């Protein structure tokens, strides 16, 4: 079986990538379900944001499952498509929610700008993958990919956008007099900081089994904090406020 051909690091990379993606998707789905029950459309895109944000690791997960159980390796087009196509959608969803919650008037400028940039990137991404996948990136080993310079620029732009708008959103929440909203703001602050740190470390470090586990745990903790930032359980809220 192909699973037996993988190194210890590759197995850990696949397993912890799978755990992180599943938890991130579950958190996103739970937010969407609660948003639907509350009839708050801006929170639906909050849930979609986190689901799509985990897509940067979908290539690893799909590769791990297909290679381990079916001995099938994704080609560069499939891997890079899966790992990149949903990132601009995550950015669109988040900026929409950010504008709608902070100030709906921002949609006339900020959201439109991000929407246009994201659509341009999507067109470029699809065109590049069809013409020459190396314009987007290359596969290195089974689970690793190296992005091209222009792809790294968009990823960096996205991460910085998530970080600054997320932190700004959380700081505003922490200034509100309601103690529960303050705690939600703190959890959101933790969520965006830990997600950014985890994403950067995942991309920058030469991962070992120990660093891999630490990085994935940071990402998992960010998803839990993200959920608490929007839907803080009453028992936990009461405990923290007391």
C-alpha atoms as a PDB file:
ATOM      1  CA  UNK A   1       0.000   0.000   0.000  1.00  0.00           C
ATOM      2  CA  UNK A   2       1.239   3.502  -0.796  1.00  0.00           C
ATOM      3  CA  UNK A   3       0.711   4.542   2.830  1.00  0.00           C
ATOM      4  CA  UNK A   4       3.613   2.307   3.813  1.00  0.00           C
ATOM      5  CA  UNK A   5       5.872   4.150   1.399  1.00  0.00           C
ATOM      6  CA  UNK A   6       5.443   7.453   3.195  1.00  0.00           C
ATOM      7  CA  UNK A   7       7.966   8.733   5.704  1.00  0.00           C
ATOM      8  CA  UNK A   8       6.992   9.472   9.302  1.00  0.00           C
ATOM      9  CA  UNK A   9       6.990  13.206   8.548  1.00  0.00           C
ATOM     10  CA  UNK A  10       4.777  12.723   5.475  1.00  0.00           C
ATOM     11  CA  UNK A  11       2.288  10.625   7.446  1.00  0.00           C
ATOM     12  CA  UNK A  12       2.153  13.270  10.199  1.00  0.00           C
ATOM     13  CA  UNK A  13       1.814  15.986   7.580  1.00  0.00           C
ATOM     14  CA  UNK A  14      -1.157  14.206   6.044  1.00  0.00           C
ATOM     15  CA  UNK A  15      -2.866  13.254   9.307  1.00  0.00           C
ATOM     16  CA  UNK A  16      -2.499  16.625  11.039  1.00  0.00           C
ATOM     17  CA  UNK A  17      -3.409  18.422   7.822  1.00  0.00           C
ATOM     18  CA  UNK A  18      -6.577  16.319   7.688  1.00  0.00           C
ATOM     19  CA  UNK A  19      -7.387  17.017  11.356  1.00  0.00           C
ATOM     20  CA  UNK A  20      -6.860  20.771  10.926  1.00  0.00           C
ATOM     21  CA  UNK A  21      -8.980  20.967   7.761  1.00  0.00           C
ATOM     22  CA  UNK A  22     -11.824  18.891   9.242  1.00  0.00           C
ATOM     23  CA  UNK A  23     -11.930  21.029  12.401  1.00  0.00           C
ATOM     24  CA  UNK A  24     -11.790  24.243  10.353  1.00  0.00           C
ATOM     25  CA  UNK A  25     -14.657  23.083   8.120  1.00  0.00           C
ATOM     26  CA  UNK A  26     -16.740  21.953  11.112  1.00  0.00           C
ATOM     27  CA  UNK A  27     -16.254  25.345  12.762  1.00  0.00           C
ATOM     28  CA  UNK A  28     -17.247  27.106   9.533  1.00  0.00           C
ATOM     29  CA  UNK A  29     -20.335  24.925   9.078  1.00  0.00           C
ATOM     30  CA  UNK A  30     -21.436  25.487  12.684  1.00  0.00           C
ATOM     31  CA  UNK A  31     -21.181  29.247  12.178  1.00  0.00           C
ATOM     32  CA  UNK A  32     -23.222  29.009   8.964  1.00  0.00           C
ATOM     33  CA  UNK A  33     -25.926  26.920  10.660  1.00  0.00           C
ATOM     34  CA  UNK A  34     -26.225  29.387  13.537  1.00  0.00           C
ATOM     35  CA  UNK A  35     -26.243  32.303  11.098  1.00  0.00           C
ATOM     36  CA  UNK A  36     -29.100  30.717   9.153  1.00  0.00           C
ATOM     37  CA  UNK A  37     -31.060  30.179  12.352  1.00  0.00           C
ATOM     38  CA  UNK A  38     -30.501  33.819  13.316  1.00  0.00           C
ATOM     39  CA  UNK A  39     -31.134  34.984   9.727  1.00  0.00           C
ATOM     40  CA  UNK A  40     -27.874  36.946   9.682  1.00  0.00           C
ATOM     41  CA  UNK A  41     -26.423  36.812   6.187  1.00  0.00           C
ATOM     42  CA  UNK A  42     -23.198  38.569   7.171  1.00  0.00           C
ATOM     43  CA  UNK A  43     -22.381  35.662   9.480  1.00  0.00           C
ATOM     44  CA  UNK A  44     -22.939  33.113   6.716  1.00  0.00           C
ATOM     45  CA  UNK A  45     -19.949  34.581   4.915  1.00  0.00           C
ATOM     46  CA  UNK A  46     -18.028  34.549   8.207  1.00  0.00           C
ATOM     47  CA  UNK A  47     -18.438  30.766   8.221  1.00  0.00           C
ATOM     48  CA  UNK A  48     -17.566  30.478   4.542  1.00  0.00           C
ATOM     49  CA  UNK A  49     -14.459  32.565   5.180  1.00  0.00           C
ATOM     50  CA  UNK A  50     -12.955  30.001   7.510  1.00  0.00           C
ATOM     51  CA  UNK A  51     -13.944  27.041   5.351  1.00  0.00           C
ATOM     52  CA  UNK A  52     -12.276  28.609   2.329  1.00  0.00           C
ATOM     53  CA  UNK A  53      -9.281  29.766   4.407  1.00  0.00           C
ATOM     54  CA  UNK A  54      -8.466  26.119   5.174  1.00  0.00           C
ATOM     55  CA  UNK A  55      -8.394  25.394   1.430  1.00  0.00           C
ATOM     56  CA  UNK A  56      -4.690  26.260   1.306  1.00  0.00           C
ATOM     57  CA  UNK A  57      -4.217  22.855   2.968  1.00  0.00           C
ATOM     58  CA  UNK A  58      -6.784  20.948   0.877  1.00  0.00           C
ATOM     59  CA  UNK A  59      -4.121  19.928  -1.623  1.00  0.00           C
ATOM     60  CA  UNK A  60      -2.162  18.193   1.144  1.00  0.00           C
ATOM     61  CA  UNK A  61      -5.279  16.453   2.457  1.00  0.00           C
ATOM     62  CA  UNK A  62      -6.563  15.255  -0.925  1.00  0.00           C
ATOM     63  CA  UNK A  63      -3.070  14.114  -1.910  1.00  0.00           C
ATOM     64  CA  UNK A  64      -2.717  12.208   1.372  1.00  0.00           C
ATOM     65  CA  UNK A  65      -6.045  10.425   0.976  1.00  0.00           C
ATOM     66  CA  UNK A  66      -5.734   9.573  -2.716  1.00  0.00           C
ATOM     67  CA  UNK A  67      -2.104   8.466  -2.460  1.00  0.00           C
ATOM     68  CA  UNK A  68      -2.460   6.530   0.804  1.00  0.00           C
ATOM     69  CA  UNK A  69      -5.585   4.568  -0.061  1.00  0.00           C
ATOM     70  CA  UNK A  70      -5.688   4.485  -3.866  1.00  0.00           C
ATOM     71  CA  UNK A  71      -2.011   4.952  -4.796  1.00  0.00           C
ATOM     72  CA  UNK A  72      -2.994   7.929  -6.959  1.00  0.00           C
ATOM     73  CA  UNK A  73      -0.911  11.107  -6.979  1.00  0.00           C
ATOM     74  CA  UNK A  74      -2.428  14.426  -7.977  1.00  0.00           C
ATOM     75  CA  UNK A  75      -0.712  16.144 -10.868  1.00  0.00           C
ATOM     76  CA  UNK A  76       0.545  19.714 -10.512  1.00  0.00           C
ATOM     77  CA  UNK A  77      -2.599  21.198 -12.080  1.00  0.00           C
ATOM     78  CA  UNK A  78      -5.017  19.393  -9.732  1.00  0.00           C
ATOM     79  CA  UNK A  79      -2.940  20.020  -6.595  1.00  0.00           C
ATOM     80  CA  UNK A  80      -2.354  23.711  -7.257  1.00  0.00           C
ATOM     81  CA  UNK A  81      -5.966  24.234  -8.352  1.00  0.00           C
ATOM     82  CA  UNK A  82      -7.359  22.734  -5.140  1.00  0.00           C
ATOM     83  CA  UNK A  83      -4.886  24.597  -2.916  1.00  0.00           C
ATOM     84  CA  UNK A  84      -5.329  28.039  -4.494  1.00  0.00           C
ATOM     85  CA  UNK A  85      -8.717  28.503  -6.141  1.00  0.00           C
ATOM     86  CA  UNK A  86     -10.724  29.129  -2.955  1.00  0.00           C
ATOM     87  CA  UNK A  87      -8.362  31.616  -1.265  1.00  0.00           C
ATOM     88  CA  UNK A  88      -9.730  34.672  -3.160  1.00  0.00           C
ATOM     89  CA  UNK A  89     -13.247  33.478  -2.314  1.00  0.00           C
ATOM     90  CA  UNK A  90     -12.280  33.466   1.365  1.00  0.00           C
ATOM     91  CA  UNK A  91     -11.039  37.030   0.982  1.00  0.00           C
ATOM     92  CA  UNK A  92     -14.266  38.162  -0.715  1.00  0.00           C
ATOM     93  CA  UNK A  93     -16.414  36.542   1.980  1.00  0.00           C
ATOM     94  CA  UNK A  94     -14.428  38.047   4.844  1.00  0.00           C
ATOM     95  CA  UNK A  95     -14.279  41.585   3.453  1.00  0.00           C
ATOM     96  CA  UNK A  96     -18.030  41.428   2.812  1.00  0.00           C
ATOM     97  CA  UNK A  97     -18.674  40.405   6.440  1.00  0.00           C
ATOM     98  CA  UNK A  98     -16.188  42.975   7.722  1.00  0.00           C
ATOM     99  CA  UNK A  99     -17.867  45.799   5.795  1.00  0.00           C
ATOM    100  CA  UNK A 100     -21.386  44.671   6.640  1.00  0.00           C
ATOM    101  CA  UNK A 101     -20.687  44.442  10.381  1.00  0.00           C
ATOM    102  CA  UNK A 102     -18.363  47.439  10.809  1.00  0.00           C
ATOM    103  CA  UNK A 103     -20.025  49.862   8.373  1.00  0.00           C
ATOM    104  CA  UNK A 104     -22.188  48.811   5.392  1.00  0.00           C
ATOM    105  CA  UNK A 105     -21.110  51.973   3.566  1.00  0.00           C
ATOM    106  CA  UNK A 106     -17.655  50.420   3.203  1.00  0.00           C
ATOM    107  CA  UNK A 107     -19.104  48.022   0.641  1.00  0.00           C
ATOM    108  CA  UNK A 108     -19.207  50.882  -1.860  1.00  0.00           C
ATOM    109  CA  UNK A 109     -15.428  51.197  -1.813  1.00  0.00           C
ATOM    110  CA  UNK A 110     -13.466  48.626   0.166  1.00  0.00           C
ATOM    111  CA  UNK A 111     -15.511  45.575  -0.807  1.00  0.00           C
ATOM    112  CA  UNK A 112     -15.632  46.591  -4.469  1.00  0.00           C
ATOM    113  CA  UNK A 113     -11.842  46.984  -4.550  1.00  0.00           C
ATOM    114  CA  UNK A 114     -11.247  43.570  -2.973  1.00  0.00           C
ATOM    115  CA  UNK A 115     -13.873  41.954  -5.188  1.00  0.00           C
ATOM    116  CA  UNK A 116     -12.216  43.274  -8.350  1.00  0.00           C
ATOM    117  CA  UNK A 117      -8.720  42.245  -7.187  1.00  0.00           C
ATOM    118  CA  UNK A 118      -9.956  38.753  -6.292  1.00  0.00           C
ATOM    119  CA  UNK A 119     -11.735  38.253  -9.622  1.00  0.00           C
ATOM    120  CA  UNK A 120      -8.639  39.413 -11.538  1.00  0.00           C
ATOM    121  CA  UNK A 121      -6.551  36.938  -9.552  1.00  0.00           C
ATOM    122  CA  UNK A 122      -9.024  34.116 -10.212  1.00  0.00           C
ATOM    123  CA  UNK A 123      -8.880  34.782 -13.956  1.00  0.00           C
ATOM    124  CA  UNK A 124      -5.074  34.893 -13.873  1.00  0.00           C
ATOM    125  CA  UNK A 125      -4.910  31.748 -11.728  1.00  0.00           C
ATOM    126  CA  UNK A 126      -7.124  29.673 -14.012  1.00  0.00           C
ATOM    127  CA  UNK A 127      -5.403  30.952 -17.155  1.00  0.00           C
ATOM    128  CA  UNK A 128      -1.940  30.255 -15.742  1.00  0.00           C
ATOM    129  CA  UNK A 129      -2.831  26.742 -14.634  1.00  0.00           C
ATOM    130  CA  UNK A 130      -4.128  25.954 -18.106  1.00  0.00           C
ATOM    131  CA  UNK A 131      -1.130  27.496 -19.886  1.00  0.00           C
ATOM    132  CA  UNK A 132       1.768  26.588 -17.565  1.00  0.00           C
ATOM    133  CA  UNK A 133       1.306  25.455 -13.950  1.00  0.00           C
ATOM    134  CA  UNK A 134       4.761  26.773 -13.034  1.00  0.00           C
ATOM    135  CA  UNK A 135       3.349  30.291 -13.312  1.00  0.00           C
ATOM    136  CA  UNK A 136       1.468  29.421 -10.113  1.00  0.00           C
ATOM    137  CA  UNK A 137       3.855  26.985  -8.466  1.00  0.00           C
ATOM    138  CA  UNK A 138       5.577  23.626  -8.533  1.00  0.00           C
ATOM    139  CA  UNK A 139       5.226  20.411  -6.558  1.00  0.00           C
ATOM    140  CA  UNK A 140       8.138  19.440  -4.342  1.00  0.00           C
ATOM    141  CA  UNK A 141       7.786  15.934  -3.013  1.00  0.00           C
ATOM    142  CA  UNK A 142       4.374  14.428  -2.351  1.00  0.00           C
ATOM    143  CA  UNK A 143       2.793  17.037  -0.073  1.00  0.00           C
ATOM    144  CA  UNK A 144       4.823  20.187  -0.547  1.00  0.00           C
ATOM    145  CA  UNK A 145       4.442  22.896  -3.146  1.00  0.00           C
ATOM    146  CA  UNK A 146       6.468  25.993  -3.919  1.00  0.00           C
ATOM    147  CA  UNK A 147       4.518  29.020  -5.091  1.00  0.00           C
ATOM    148  CA  UNK A 148       5.688  31.352  -7.809  1.00  0.00           C
ATOM    149  CA  UNK A 149       6.585  34.927  -6.911  1.00  0.00           C
ATOM    150  CA  UNK A 150       3.292  36.367  -8.161  1.00  0.00           C
ATOM    151  CA  UNK A 151       1.303  33.713  -6.279  1.00  0.00           C
ATOM    152  CA  UNK A 152       3.245  34.488  -3.104  1.00  0.00           C
ATOM    153  CA  UNK A 153       2.433  38.189  -3.539  1.00  0.00           C
ATOM    154  CA  UNK A 154      -1.306  37.463  -3.650  1.00  0.00           C
ATOM    155  CA  UNK A 155      -1.087  35.056  -0.701  1.00  0.00           C
ATOM    156  CA  UNK A 156       0.862  37.648   1.306  1.00  0.00           C
ATOM    157  CA  UNK A 157      -1.707  40.299   0.349  1.00  0.00           C
ATOM    158  CA  UNK A 158      -4.527  38.002   1.496  1.00  0.00           C
ATOM    159  CA  UNK A 159      -2.885  37.096   4.812  1.00  0.00           C
ATOM    160  CA  UNK A 160      -2.118  40.739   5.597  1.00  0.00           C
ATOM    161  CA  UNK A 161      -5.691  41.720   4.677  1.00  0.00           C
ATOM    162  CA  UNK A 162      -7.127  39.038   6.973  1.00  0.00           C
ATOM    163  CA  UNK A 163      -4.773  40.065   9.767  1.00  0.00           C
ATOM    164  CA  UNK A 164      -5.314  43.830   9.697  1.00  0.00           C
ATOM    165  CA  UNK A 165      -9.078  43.780   9.174  1.00  0.00           C
ATOM    166  CA  UNK A 166      -9.474  40.929  11.666  1.00  0.00           C
ATOM    167  CA  UNK A 167      -7.410  42.668  14.332  1.00  0.00           C
ATOM    168  CA  UNK A 168      -9.211  45.972  13.689  1.00  0.00           C
ATOM    169  CA  UNK A 169     -12.563  44.207  14.025  1.00  0.00           C
ATOM    170  CA  UNK A 170     -11.503  42.552  17.297  1.00  0.00           C
ATOM    171  CA  UNK A 171     -10.128  45.789  18.777  1.00  0.00           C
ATOM    172  CA  UNK A 172     -13.427  47.562  18.106  1.00  0.00           C
ATOM    173  CA  UNK A 173     -15.266  44.701  19.811  1.00  0.00           C
ATOM    174  CA  UNK A 174     -12.987  44.954  22.846  1.00  0.00           C
ATOM    175  CA  UNK A 175     -13.862  48.655  23.252  1.00  0.00           C
ATOM    176  CA  UNK A 176     -17.593  47.969  23.552  1.00  0.00           C
ATOM    177  CA  UNK A 177     -18.976  48.131  27.091  1.00  0.00           C
ATOM    178  CA  UNK A 178     -20.684  44.726  27.003  1.00  0.00           C
ATOM    179  CA  UNK A 179     -18.304  42.253  28.783  1.00  0.00           C
ATOM    180  CA  UNK A 180     -19.391  39.341  26.579  1.00  0.00           C
ATOM    181  CA  UNK A 181     -18.655  41.263  23.380  1.00  0.00           C
ATOM    182  CA  UNK A 182     -15.276  42.236  24.827  1.00  0.00           C
ATOM    183  CA  UNK A 183     -14.443  38.555  25.323  1.00  0.00           C
ATOM    184  CA  UNK A 184     -15.587  37.785  21.793  1.00  0.00           C
ATOM    185  CA  UNK A 185     -13.210  40.482  20.594  1.00  0.00           C
ATOM    186  CA  UNK A 186     -10.363  38.917  22.556  1.00  0.00           C
ATOM    187  CA  UNK A 187     -11.035  35.515  21.044  1.00  0.00           C
ATOM    188  CA  UNK A 188     -11.133  37.032  17.557  1.00  0.00           C
ATOM    189  CA  UNK A 189      -7.839  38.783  18.223  1.00  0.00           C
ATOM    190  CA  UNK A 190      -6.302  35.457  19.262  1.00  0.00           C
ATOM    191  CA  UNK A 191      -7.857  33.735  16.245  1.00  0.00           C
ATOM    192  CA  UNK A 192      -6.410  36.056  13.608  1.00  0.00           C
ATOM    193  CA  UNK A 193      -3.000  36.332  15.255  1.00  0.00           C
ATOM    194  CA  UNK A 194      -2.638  32.568  15.718  1.00  0.00           C
ATOM    195  CA  UNK A 195      -3.927  31.842  12.185  1.00  0.00           C
ATOM    196  CA  UNK A 196      -1.378  34.263  10.725  1.00  0.00           C
ATOM    197  CA  UNK A 197       1.467  32.846  12.810  1.00  0.00           C
ATOM    198  CA  UNK A 198       0.474  29.280  11.951  1.00  0.00           C
ATOM    199  CA  UNK A 199       0.191  30.014   8.221  1.00  0.00           C
ATOM    200  CA  UNK A 200       3.546  31.824   8.111  1.00  0.00           C
ATOM    201  CA  UNK A 201       5.354  29.134  10.100  1.00  0.00           C
ATOM    202  CA  UNK A 202       3.816  26.425   7.937  1.00  0.00           C
ATOM    203  CA  UNK A 203       5.149  28.113   4.811  1.00  0.00           C
ATOM    204  CA  UNK A 204       8.503  29.333   6.153  1.00  0.00           C
ATOM    205  CA  UNK A 205       9.770  26.494   8.347  1.00  0.00           C
ATOM    206  CA  UNK A 206      11.491  23.333   7.231  1.00  0.00           C
ATOM    207  CA  UNK A 207       9.072  21.163   9.158  1.00  0.00           C
ATOM    208  CA  UNK A 208      10.117  18.360  11.485  1.00  0.00           C
ATOM    209  CA  UNK A 209       7.636  16.050  13.242  1.00  0.00           C
ATOM    210  CA  UNK A 210       7.700  18.298  16.342  1.00  0.00           C
ATOM    211  CA  UNK A 211       7.410  21.645  14.551  1.00  0.00           C
ATOM    212  CA  UNK A 212       4.710  20.205  12.284  1.00  0.00           C
ATOM    213  CA  UNK A 213       2.558  19.199  15.247  1.00  0.00           C
ATOM    214  CA  UNK A 214       3.095  22.584  16.938  1.00  0.00           C
ATOM    215  CA  UNK A 215       2.154  24.525  13.795  1.00  0.00           C
ATOM    216  CA  UNK A 216      -0.982  22.462  13.198  1.00  0.00           C
ATOM    217  CA  UNK A 217      -2.035  22.868  16.843  1.00  0.00           C
ATOM    218  CA  UNK A 218      -1.649  26.640  16.482  1.00  0.00           C
ATOM    219  CA  UNK A 219      -3.938  26.550  13.437  1.00  0.00           C
ATOM    220  CA  UNK A 220      -6.477  24.335  15.220  1.00  0.00           C
ATOM    221  CA  UNK A 221      -6.509  26.681  18.219  1.00  0.00           C
ATOM    222  CA  UNK A 222      -7.167  29.603  15.853  1.00  0.00           C
ATOM    223  CA  UNK A 223     -10.298  27.907  14.485  1.00  0.00           C
ATOM    224  CA  UNK A 224     -11.709  27.347  17.984  1.00  0.00           C
ATOM    225  CA  UNK A 225     -10.974  30.948  18.974  1.00  0.00           C
ATOM    226  CA  UNK A 226     -12.592  32.126  15.718  1.00  0.00           C
ATOM    227  CA  UNK A 227     -15.806  30.296  16.588  1.00  0.00           C
ATOM    228  CA  UNK A 228     -15.849  31.717  20.142  1.00  0.00           C
ATOM    229  CA  UNK A 229     -15.316  35.166  18.629  1.00  0.00           C
ATOM    230  CA  UNK A 230     -18.746  35.026  17.034  1.00  0.00           C
ATOM    231  CA  UNK A 231     -20.649  32.470  19.103  1.00  0.00           C
ATOM    232  CA  UNK A 232     -19.343  32.374  22.666  1.00  0.00           C
ATOM    233  CA  UNK A 233     -21.109  29.642  24.688  1.00  0.00           C
ATOM    234  CA  UNK A 234     -23.103  31.137  27.564  1.00  0.00           C
ATOM    235  CA  UNK A 235     -21.489  28.957  30.228  1.00  0.00           C
ATOM    236  CA  UNK A 236     -18.006  29.929  29.089  1.00  0.00           C
ATOM    237  CA  UNK A 237     -19.035  33.599  28.807  1.00  0.00           C
ATOM    238  CA  UNK A 238     -20.450  33.616  32.342  1.00  0.00           C
ATOM    239  CA  UNK A 239     -17.300  31.941  33.663  1.00  0.00           C
ATOM    240  CA  UNK A 240     -14.968  34.400  31.934  1.00  0.00           C
ATOM    241  CA  UNK A 241     -17.004  37.453  32.959  1.00  0.00           C
ATOM    242  CA  UNK A 242     -17.045  36.372  36.618  1.00  0.00           C
END
